[in-house]
């Protein structure tokens, strides 16, 4: 009987997947197509692999999103923040806005109010602590943070969705068409602003609104 040949190891194409490669591929997909496009099947196709192969490295889509959020949060640089608590709240709110604006898919993911990056909680800590330093109770400080959070995410969600719609269509938006034909008798004020409406409603006024929100919250004390 001939001796069986010794196995020299795994044959065929070597594995190319790793958790790092999956995260990198997901980041590319999210940046190009948004959070709605991300699925394990779609990502597997992007990586020239199979969904089952991905599940060897990440448990499910939620775990993948958590890894993506943590990777982004760990890249956030902590700036020097003002000593004045009001200014510190505003600075933290602006930082939150700029971090999310730089990566629009995160806005869509965080809007679920479920997934989060623990590494980014220092921004929340700063905001809640500053609110307490302004005279709010801890409970009011949490309310203040949530108000700033809703304002910021809402503003960015509208911006992200508007930009995606603008790219997808090749004609004026329904809103632009409606404003172009407004009756001056029925809507005198809006009609007078109609030719500037698109410009006025796409300006970056986040800081102005943030200051108004923070001042209003502090005034409740």
C-alpha atoms as a PDB file:
ATOM      1  CA  UNK A   1       0.000   0.000   0.000  1.00  0.00           C
ATOM      2  CA  UNK A   2       1.334   3.357  -0.964  1.00  0.00           C
ATOM      3  CA  UNK A   3       1.682   5.825   1.987  1.00  0.00           C
ATOM      4  CA  UNK A   4      -0.754   8.723   1.895  1.00  0.00           C
ATOM      5  CA  UNK A   5       0.938  11.997   0.937  1.00  0.00           C
ATOM      6  CA  UNK A   6       1.384  14.467   3.769  1.00  0.00           C
ATOM      7  CA  UNK A   7      -0.889  17.489   3.727  1.00  0.00           C
ATOM      8  CA  UNK A   8       1.098  20.648   3.315  1.00  0.00           C
ATOM      9  CA  UNK A   9      -1.594  23.043   4.458  1.00  0.00           C
ATOM     10  CA  UNK A  10      -4.611  24.756   3.000  1.00  0.00           C
ATOM     11  CA  UNK A  11      -4.771  24.842  -0.775  1.00  0.00           C
ATOM     12  CA  UNK A  12      -6.512  27.233  -3.111  1.00  0.00           C
ATOM     13  CA  UNK A  13      -6.783  30.990  -2.882  1.00  0.00           C
ATOM     14  CA  UNK A  14      -5.565  32.302   0.505  1.00  0.00           C
ATOM     15  CA  UNK A  15      -8.088  34.139   2.651  1.00  0.00           C
ATOM     16  CA  UNK A  16      -8.185  37.859   1.918  1.00  0.00           C
ATOM     17  CA  UNK A  17     -10.728  38.956   4.480  1.00  0.00           C
ATOM     18  CA  UNK A  18     -10.006  40.454   7.869  1.00  0.00           C
ATOM     19  CA  UNK A  19     -11.999  42.639  10.193  1.00  0.00           C
ATOM     20  CA  UNK A  20      -9.896  45.604   9.073  1.00  0.00           C
ATOM     21  CA  UNK A  21     -10.578  44.891   5.391  1.00  0.00           C
ATOM     22  CA  UNK A  22     -14.309  44.570   6.092  1.00  0.00           C
ATOM     23  CA  UNK A  23     -14.385  47.893   7.975  1.00  0.00           C
ATOM     24  CA  UNK A  24     -12.450  49.606   5.185  1.00  0.00           C
ATOM     25  CA  UNK A  25     -14.810  48.233   2.538  1.00  0.00           C
ATOM     26  CA  UNK A  26     -17.866  49.259   4.551  1.00  0.00           C
ATOM     27  CA  UNK A  27     -16.468  52.784   4.946  1.00  0.00           C
ATOM     28  CA  UNK A  28     -16.042  53.091   1.182  1.00  0.00           C
ATOM     29  CA  UNK A  29     -19.558  51.807   0.553  1.00  0.00           C
ATOM     30  CA  UNK A  30     -21.117  54.122   3.131  1.00  0.00           C
ATOM     31  CA  UNK A  31     -19.260  57.164   1.812  1.00  0.00           C
ATOM     32  CA  UNK A  32     -20.364  56.437  -1.745  1.00  0.00           C
ATOM     33  CA  UNK A  33     -23.933  55.250  -1.234  1.00  0.00           C
ATOM     34  CA  UNK A  34     -25.082  56.073   2.314  1.00  0.00           C
ATOM     35  CA  UNK A  35     -26.226  53.986   5.256  1.00  0.00           C
ATOM     36  CA  UNK A  36     -29.313  52.582   3.517  1.00  0.00           C
ATOM     37  CA  UNK A  37     -27.081  50.793   1.019  1.00  0.00           C
ATOM     38  CA  UNK A  38     -25.162  48.827   3.639  1.00  0.00           C
ATOM     39  CA  UNK A  39     -26.059  45.169   3.997  1.00  0.00           C
ATOM     40  CA  UNK A  40     -23.875  42.135   4.534  1.00  0.00           C
ATOM     41  CA  UNK A  41     -24.811  40.880   1.065  1.00  0.00           C
ATOM     42  CA  UNK A  42     -24.005  44.214  -0.598  1.00  0.00           C
ATOM     43  CA  UNK A  43     -20.719  44.503   1.308  1.00  0.00           C
ATOM     44  CA  UNK A  44     -19.753  40.932   0.407  1.00  0.00           C
ATOM     45  CA  UNK A  45     -20.254  41.788  -3.258  1.00  0.00           C
ATOM     46  CA  UNK A  46     -18.122  44.922  -2.817  1.00  0.00           C
ATOM     47  CA  UNK A  47     -15.345  42.771  -1.328  1.00  0.00           C
ATOM     48  CA  UNK A  48     -15.726  39.980  -3.919  1.00  0.00           C
ATOM     49  CA  UNK A  49     -16.647  37.575  -1.136  1.00  0.00           C
ATOM     50  CA  UNK A  50     -19.731  35.957   0.412  1.00  0.00           C
ATOM     51  CA  UNK A  51     -21.949  37.008   3.351  1.00  0.00           C
ATOM     52  CA  UNK A  52     -20.989  33.819   5.225  1.00  0.00           C
ATOM     53  CA  UNK A  53     -17.307  34.736   4.947  1.00  0.00           C
ATOM     54  CA  UNK A  54     -18.040  38.137   6.510  1.00  0.00           C
ATOM     55  CA  UNK A  55     -19.841  36.516   9.430  1.00  0.00           C
ATOM     56  CA  UNK A  56     -16.584  34.838  10.433  1.00  0.00           C
ATOM     57  CA  UNK A  57     -15.257  38.308  11.301  1.00  0.00           C
ATOM     58  CA  UNK A  58     -18.341  40.298  12.392  1.00  0.00           C
ATOM     59  CA  UNK A  59     -21.428  38.883  14.089  1.00  0.00           C
ATOM     60  CA  UNK A  60     -24.016  40.951  12.215  1.00  0.00           C
ATOM     61  CA  UNK A  61     -24.690  44.352  10.675  1.00  0.00           C
ATOM     62  CA  UNK A  62     -25.116  46.047  14.062  1.00  0.00           C
ATOM     63  CA  UNK A  63     -21.693  44.861  15.225  1.00  0.00           C
ATOM     64  CA  UNK A  64     -20.197  46.124  11.962  1.00  0.00           C
ATOM     65  CA  UNK A  65     -21.811  49.520  12.466  1.00  0.00           C
ATOM     66  CA  UNK A  66     -20.501  49.680  16.039  1.00  0.00           C
ATOM     67  CA  UNK A  67     -16.989  48.914  14.804  1.00  0.00           C
ATOM     68  CA  UNK A  68     -17.333  51.630  12.165  1.00  0.00           C
ATOM     69  CA  UNK A  69     -18.588  54.167  14.709  1.00  0.00           C
ATOM     70  CA  UNK A  70     -15.748  53.349  17.109  1.00  0.00           C
ATOM     71  CA  UNK A  71     -13.148  53.633  14.350  1.00  0.00           C
ATOM     72  CA  UNK A  72     -14.411  57.091  13.463  1.00  0.00           C
ATOM     73  CA  UNK A  73     -14.802  58.216  17.084  1.00  0.00           C
ATOM     74  CA  UNK A  74     -11.233  57.262  17.920  1.00  0.00           C
ATOM     75  CA  UNK A  75      -9.990  59.567  15.162  1.00  0.00           C
ATOM     76  CA  UNK A  76     -11.645  62.650  16.697  1.00  0.00           C
ATOM     77  CA  UNK A  77      -9.078  65.050  18.097  1.00  0.00           C
ATOM     78  CA  UNK A  78      -9.930  66.614  21.458  1.00  0.00           C
ATOM     79  CA  UNK A  79      -9.587  70.391  21.162  1.00  0.00           C
ATOM     80  CA  UNK A  80      -8.952  72.881  23.918  1.00  0.00           C
ATOM     81  CA  UNK A  81     -12.360  73.961  25.181  1.00  0.00           C
ATOM     82  CA  UNK A  82     -13.351  77.332  26.739  1.00  0.00           C
ATOM     83  CA  UNK A  83     -13.450  77.729  30.508  1.00  0.00           C
ATOM     84  CA  UNK A  84     -16.798  79.554  30.415  1.00  0.00           C
ATOM     85  CA  UNK A  85     -19.495  76.833  30.640  1.00  0.00           C
ATOM     86  CA  UNK A  86     -21.856  78.492  28.157  1.00  0.00           C
ATOM     87  CA  UNK A  87     -19.074  78.804  25.606  1.00  0.00           C
ATOM     88  CA  UNK A  88     -18.024  75.232  26.394  1.00  0.00           C
ATOM     89  CA  UNK A  89     -21.530  73.953  25.633  1.00  0.00           C
ATOM     90  CA  UNK A  90     -21.552  75.824  22.341  1.00  0.00           C
ATOM     91  CA  UNK A  91     -18.055  74.612  21.425  1.00  0.00           C
ATOM     92  CA  UNK A  92     -19.032  70.998  22.178  1.00  0.00           C
ATOM     93  CA  UNK A  93     -22.194  71.400  20.101  1.00  0.00           C
ATOM     94  CA  UNK A  94     -20.218  72.791  17.189  1.00  0.00           C
ATOM     95  CA  UNK A  95     -17.674  69.987  17.474  1.00  0.00           C
ATOM     96  CA  UNK A  96     -20.492  67.446  17.363  1.00  0.00           C
ATOM     97  CA  UNK A  97     -21.878  69.141  14.266  1.00  0.00           C
ATOM     98  CA  UNK A  98     -18.539  69.233  12.445  1.00  0.00           C
ATOM     99  CA  UNK A  99     -17.753  65.586  13.270  1.00  0.00           C
ATOM    100  CA  UNK A 100     -21.098  64.440  11.895  1.00  0.00           C
ATOM    101  CA  UNK A 101     -21.022  66.766   8.881  1.00  0.00           C
ATOM    102  CA  UNK A 102     -17.671  65.305   7.814  1.00  0.00           C
ATOM    103  CA  UNK A 103     -19.162  61.802   7.702  1.00  0.00           C
ATOM    104  CA  UNK A 104     -22.840  61.979   6.656  1.00  0.00           C
ATOM    105  CA  UNK A 105     -23.556  58.248   6.959  1.00  0.00           C
ATOM    106  CA  UNK A 106     -22.976  58.509  10.720  1.00  0.00           C
ATOM    107  CA  UNK A 107     -25.921  60.898  10.971  1.00  0.00           C
ATOM    108  CA  UNK A 108     -28.184  58.287   9.402  1.00  0.00           C
ATOM    109  CA  UNK A 109     -26.913  55.555  11.728  1.00  0.00           C
ATOM    110  CA  UNK A 110     -27.098  57.619  14.915  1.00  0.00           C
ATOM    111  CA  UNK A 111     -30.583  58.877  14.085  1.00  0.00           C
ATOM    112  CA  UNK A 112     -31.851  55.464  15.209  1.00  0.00           C
ATOM    113  CA  UNK A 113     -30.951  56.604  18.760  1.00  0.00           C
ATOM    114  CA  UNK A 114     -29.711  53.085  19.483  1.00  0.00           C
ATOM    115  CA  UNK A 115     -26.152  52.521  18.290  1.00  0.00           C
ATOM    116  CA  UNK A 116     -23.343  54.692  19.623  1.00  0.00           C
ATOM    117  CA  UNK A 117     -19.566  54.896  19.957  1.00  0.00           C
ATOM    118  CA  UNK A 118     -18.381  54.786  23.549  1.00  0.00           C
ATOM    119  CA  UNK A 119     -15.178  56.544  22.484  1.00  0.00           C
ATOM    120  CA  UNK A 120     -17.213  59.633  21.541  1.00  0.00           C
ATOM    121  CA  UNK A 121     -19.015  59.935  24.881  1.00  0.00           C
ATOM    122  CA  UNK A 122     -16.488  62.499  26.093  1.00  0.00           C
ATOM    123  CA  UNK A 123     -18.350  65.059  23.929  1.00  0.00           C
ATOM    124  CA  UNK A 124     -21.578  64.231  25.749  1.00  0.00           C
ATOM    125  CA  UNK A 125     -19.742  64.401  29.096  1.00  0.00           C
ATOM    126  CA  UNK A 126     -18.435  67.869  28.248  1.00  0.00           C
ATOM    127  CA  UNK A 127     -21.861  69.123  27.241  1.00  0.00           C
ATOM    128  CA  UNK A 128     -23.741  67.734  30.257  1.00  0.00           C
ATOM    129  CA  UNK A 129     -21.050  68.910  32.683  1.00  0.00           C
ATOM    130  CA  UNK A 130     -21.044  72.396  31.145  1.00  0.00           C
ATOM    131  CA  UNK A 131     -24.831  72.552  31.439  1.00  0.00           C
ATOM    132  CA  UNK A 132     -24.612  71.695  35.145  1.00  0.00           C
ATOM    133  CA  UNK A 133     -21.941  74.380  35.539  1.00  0.00           C
ATOM    134  CA  UNK A 134     -24.421  76.842  33.986  1.00  0.00           C
ATOM    135  CA  UNK A 135     -26.818  76.112  36.837  1.00  0.00           C
ATOM    136  CA  UNK A 136     -28.992  73.352  35.379  1.00  0.00           C
ATOM    137  CA  UNK A 137     -29.821  70.282  37.452  1.00  0.00           C
ATOM    138  CA  UNK A 138     -28.352  67.003  36.168  1.00  0.00           C
ATOM    139  CA  UNK A 139     -31.774  66.094  34.799  1.00  0.00           C
ATOM    140  CA  UNK A 140     -32.087  69.461  33.039  1.00  0.00           C
ATOM    141  CA  UNK A 141     -28.539  69.075  31.738  1.00  0.00           C
ATOM    142  CA  UNK A 142     -29.469  65.786  30.075  1.00  0.00           C
ATOM    143  CA  UNK A 143     -32.523  67.491  28.582  1.00  0.00           C
ATOM    144  CA  UNK A 144     -30.258  70.278  27.312  1.00  0.00           C
ATOM    145  CA  UNK A 145     -27.893  67.806  25.683  1.00  0.00           C
ATOM    146  CA  UNK A 146     -30.792  65.991  24.035  1.00  0.00           C
ATOM    147  CA  UNK A 147     -32.200  69.272  22.727  1.00  0.00           C
ATOM    148  CA  UNK A 148     -28.841  70.198  21.161  1.00  0.00           C
ATOM    149  CA  UNK A 149     -28.550  66.642  19.807  1.00  0.00           C
ATOM    150  CA  UNK A 150     -31.989  66.699  18.174  1.00  0.00           C
ATOM    151  CA  UNK A 151     -31.369  70.135  16.699  1.00  0.00           C
ATOM    152  CA  UNK A 152     -27.978  69.128  15.280  1.00  0.00           C
ATOM    153  CA  UNK A 153     -28.986  65.737  13.886  1.00  0.00           C
ATOM    154  CA  UNK A 154     -32.204  67.159  12.442  1.00  0.00           C
ATOM    155  CA  UNK A 155     -30.338  69.945  10.663  1.00  0.00           C
ATOM    156  CA  UNK A 156     -27.795  67.511   9.240  1.00  0.00           C
ATOM    157  CA  UNK A 157     -30.370  64.900   8.213  1.00  0.00           C
ATOM    158  CA  UNK A 158     -32.152  67.517   6.126  1.00  0.00           C
ATOM    159  CA  UNK A 159     -28.855  68.638   4.613  1.00  0.00           C
ATOM    160  CA  UNK A 160     -27.731  65.089   3.769  1.00  0.00           C
ATOM    161  CA  UNK A 161     -31.088  64.088   2.293  1.00  0.00           C
ATOM    162  CA  UNK A 162     -31.351  67.316   0.282  1.00  0.00           C
ATOM    163  CA  UNK A 163     -27.878  66.846  -1.192  1.00  0.00           C
ATOM    164  CA  UNK A 164     -28.561  63.223  -2.115  1.00  0.00           C
ATOM    165  CA  UNK A 165     -31.818  64.206  -3.818  1.00  0.00           C
ATOM    166  CA  UNK A 166     -30.060  67.017  -5.677  1.00  0.00           C
ATOM    167  CA  UNK A 167     -27.472  64.600  -7.051  1.00  0.00           C
ATOM    168  CA  UNK A 168     -30.087  62.034  -8.078  1.00  0.00           C
ATOM    169  CA  UNK A 169     -32.362  64.387 -10.017  1.00  0.00           C
ATOM    170  CA  UNK A 170     -31.555  66.437 -13.109  1.00  0.00           C
ATOM    171  CA  UNK A 171     -34.282  69.068 -12.788  1.00  0.00           C
ATOM    172  CA  UNK A 172     -35.387  71.735 -10.288  1.00  0.00           C
ATOM    173  CA  UNK A 173     -36.846  70.403  -7.058  1.00  0.00           C
ATOM    174  CA  UNK A 174     -40.577  70.365  -6.442  1.00  0.00           C
ATOM    175  CA  UNK A 175     -40.053  73.032  -3.774  1.00  0.00           C
ATOM    176  CA  UNK A 176     -38.235  75.333  -6.196  1.00  0.00           C
ATOM    177  CA  UNK A 177     -40.977  74.914  -8.761  1.00  0.00           C
ATOM    178  CA  UNK A 178     -43.692  75.589  -6.174  1.00  0.00           C
ATOM    179  CA  UNK A 179     -42.008  78.766  -4.912  1.00  0.00           C
ATOM    180  CA  UNK A 180     -41.530  80.005  -8.457  1.00  0.00           C
ATOM    181  CA  UNK A 181     -45.299  80.056  -8.938  1.00  0.00           C
ATOM    182  CA  UNK A 182     -46.460  81.343  -5.538  1.00  0.00           C
ATOM    183  CA  UNK A 183     -49.340  83.788  -5.609  1.00  0.00           C
ATOM    184  CA  UNK A 184     -48.343  87.173  -4.200  1.00  0.00           C
ATOM    185  CA  UNK A 185     -51.931  87.679  -3.081  1.00  0.00           C
ATOM    186  CA  UNK A 186     -52.118  84.456  -1.069  1.00  0.00           C
ATOM    187  CA  UNK A 187     -48.510  84.430   0.171  1.00  0.00           C
ATOM    188  CA  UNK A 188     -47.199  88.012  -0.009  1.00  0.00           C
ATOM    189  CA  UNK A 189     -44.206  87.539   2.298  1.00  0.00           C
ATOM    190  CA  UNK A 190     -43.088  84.203   0.836  1.00  0.00           C
ATOM    191  CA  UNK A 191     -43.574  85.417  -2.711  1.00  0.00           C
ATOM    192  CA  UNK A 192     -41.308  88.396  -2.017  1.00  0.00           C
ATOM    193  CA  UNK A 193     -38.587  85.999  -0.929  1.00  0.00           C
ATOM    194  CA  UNK A 194     -39.233  83.277  -3.503  1.00  0.00           C
ATOM    195  CA  UNK A 195     -36.258  84.020  -5.760  1.00  0.00           C
ATOM    196  CA  UNK A 196     -33.906  83.836  -2.731  1.00  0.00           C
ATOM    197  CA  UNK A 197     -35.588  81.014  -0.855  1.00  0.00           C
ATOM    198  CA  UNK A 198     -33.179  78.268  -1.942  1.00  0.00           C
ATOM    199  CA  UNK A 199     -30.182  80.443  -1.013  1.00  0.00           C
ATOM    200  CA  UNK A 200     -31.635  81.486   2.340  1.00  0.00           C
ATOM    201  CA  UNK A 201     -32.629  77.986   3.397  1.00  0.00           C
ATOM    202  CA  UNK A 202     -29.296  76.333   2.562  1.00  0.00           C
ATOM    203  CA  UNK A 203     -27.038  78.717   4.495  1.00  0.00           C
ATOM    204  CA  UNK A 204     -24.991  77.251   7.350  1.00  0.00           C
ATOM    205  CA  UNK A 205     -26.683  78.819  10.368  1.00  0.00           C
ATOM    206  CA  UNK A 206     -25.991  76.026  12.843  1.00  0.00           C
ATOM    207  CA  UNK A 207     -23.999  78.167  15.261  1.00  0.00           C
ATOM    208  CA  UNK A 208     -26.662  80.892  15.344  1.00  0.00           C
ATOM    209  CA  UNK A 209     -29.327  78.325  16.148  1.00  0.00           C
ATOM    210  CA  UNK A 210     -27.080  76.567  18.648  1.00  0.00           C
ATOM    211  CA  UNK A 211     -26.442  79.795  20.553  1.00  0.00           C
ATOM    212  CA  UNK A 212     -30.172  80.524  20.643  1.00  0.00           C
ATOM    213  CA  UNK A 213     -30.920  77.009  21.897  1.00  0.00           C
ATOM    214  CA  UNK A 214     -28.240  77.117  24.601  1.00  0.00           C
ATOM    215  CA  UNK A 215     -29.238  80.609  25.754  1.00  0.00           C
ATOM    216  CA  UNK A 216     -32.866  79.536  25.927  1.00  0.00           C
ATOM    217  CA  UNK A 217     -31.997  76.459  27.979  1.00  0.00           C
ATOM    218  CA  UNK A 218     -29.829  78.437  30.397  1.00  0.00           C
ATOM    219  CA  UNK A 219     -32.535  81.100  30.778  1.00  0.00           C
ATOM    220  CA  UNK A 220     -34.809  78.453  32.326  1.00  0.00           C
ATOM    221  CA  UNK A 221     -32.586  78.329  35.419  1.00  0.00           C
END
